[in-house]
Amino acid sequence: LSFYPNPALDFLSVNFISEAGKTARISVFNPVGQAIAHKYTETVSGVNNVTLDLAGVAGGIYFIQLELDSEITTEKVIVQ
């Protein structure tokens, strides 16, 4: 799981590797654990790139979570 830019402004590009035909869920959580956004995407074989719209999200620290198959990966991102 990787993403850019960090810190982010209006969008965040999320990159991850997957097999084709899987459904991935990308979620954004605030520091107290409340989900503020979810995005589902069908994956392709290899590198996948998903853009999250962060327009209107207040500045601060957030957590990006990728759920793919039974694996969950979480990373910190800063929104300006």
Protein backbone atom coordinates (compact mmCIF):
# COMPACT_ATOMS: atom_id res chain seq x y z
CA LEU A 1 0.00 0.00 0.00
CA SER A 2 1.33 3.41 -0.97
CA PHE A 3 -0.26 6.78 -1.55
CA TYR A 4 0.57 10.33 -2.56
CA PRO A 5 0.72 13.20 -2.00
CA ASN A 6 1.29 13.19 1.74
CA PRO A 7 0.35 15.71 3.02
CA ALA A 8 -2.73 15.72 0.78
CA LEU A 9 -5.01 18.58 -0.22
CA ASP A 10 -8.05 17.75 -2.38
CA PHE A 11 -7.22 14.20 -3.46
CA LEU A 12 -5.17 11.18 -2.54
CA SER A 13 -3.92 8.55 -5.00
CA VAL A 14 -3.84 5.09 -3.41
CA ASN A 15 -1.74 2.35 -5.03
CA PHE A 16 -1.74 -1.35 -4.20
CA ILE A 17 -1.07 -4.70 -5.84
CA SER A 18 -3.81 -7.27 -6.29
CA GLU A 19 -5.07 -10.13 -8.40
CA ALA A 20 -7.80 -9.50 -10.96
CA GLY A 21 -11.44 -9.84 -10.02
CA LYS A 22 -11.13 -8.92 -6.34
CA THR A 23 -13.13 -6.23 -4.57
CA ALA A 24 -11.10 -3.80 -2.48
CA ARG A 25 -12.49 -1.39 0.07
CA ILE A 26 -10.58 1.78 0.87
CA SER A 27 -11.72 3.70 3.94
CA VAL A 28 -10.69 6.97 5.54
CA PHE A 29 -10.91 7.26 9.33
CA ASN A 30 -10.50 10.30 11.57
CA PRO A 31 -8.27 10.11 14.69
CA VAL A 32 -11.14 8.88 16.89
CA GLY A 33 -11.89 5.98 14.54
CA GLN A 34 -14.97 7.32 12.75
CA ALA A 35 -15.18 6.42 9.08
CA ILE A 36 -15.54 9.56 6.99
CA ALA A 37 -15.36 7.91 3.55
CA HIS A 38 -15.46 4.49 1.89
CA LYS A 39 -14.71 3.54 -1.69
CA TYR A 40 -15.14 0.12 -3.26
CA THR A 41 -13.25 -0.84 -6.40
CA GLU A 42 -12.84 -3.92 -8.57
CA THR A 43 -9.17 -4.73 -8.97
CA VAL A 44 -7.08 -5.68 -11.98
CA SER A 45 -4.09 -7.99 -11.94
CA GLY A 46 -1.01 -6.08 -10.81
CA VAL A 47 -0.83 -2.45 -9.68
CA ASN A 48 -4.13 -0.70 -8.95
CA ASN A 49 -4.49 3.07 -8.55
CA VAL A 50 -7.56 4.58 -6.90
CA THR A 51 -8.13 8.31 -6.39
CA LEU A 52 -9.95 9.45 -3.25
CA ASP A 53 -11.69 12.83 -3.23
CA LEU A 54 -10.72 14.71 -0.06
CA ALA A 55 -12.28 18.07 -0.99
CA GLY A 56 -14.07 19.42 2.06
CA VAL A 57 -12.18 17.22 4.52
CA ALA A 58 -10.84 19.30 7.41
CA GLY A 59 -7.08 19.43 7.87
CA GLY A 60 -5.56 16.95 10.27
CA ILE A 61 -4.31 13.40 10.67
CA TYR A 62 -6.35 10.59 9.13
CA PHE A 63 -5.91 6.87 8.55
CA ILE A 64 -6.27 5.15 5.19
CA GLN A 65 -7.36 1.52 5.42
CA LEU A 66 -7.23 -0.99 2.57
CA GLU A 67 -9.31 -4.16 2.92
CA LEU A 68 -8.50 -6.78 0.29
CA ASP A 69 -9.46 -10.43 0.70
CA SER A 70 -8.96 -11.06 4.43
CA GLU A 71 -6.05 -8.61 4.80
CA ILE A 72 -6.35 -5.12 6.28
CA THR A 73 -3.59 -2.55 5.92
CA THR A 74 -3.71 0.87 7.61
CA GLU A 75 -1.46 3.88 7.03
CA LYS A 76 -1.44 7.46 8.34
CA VAL A 77 -1.99 10.44 6.04
CA ILE A 78 -2.03 14.17 6.74
CA VAL A 79 -4.66 16.38 5.10
CA GLN A 80 -3.86 20.09 4.84
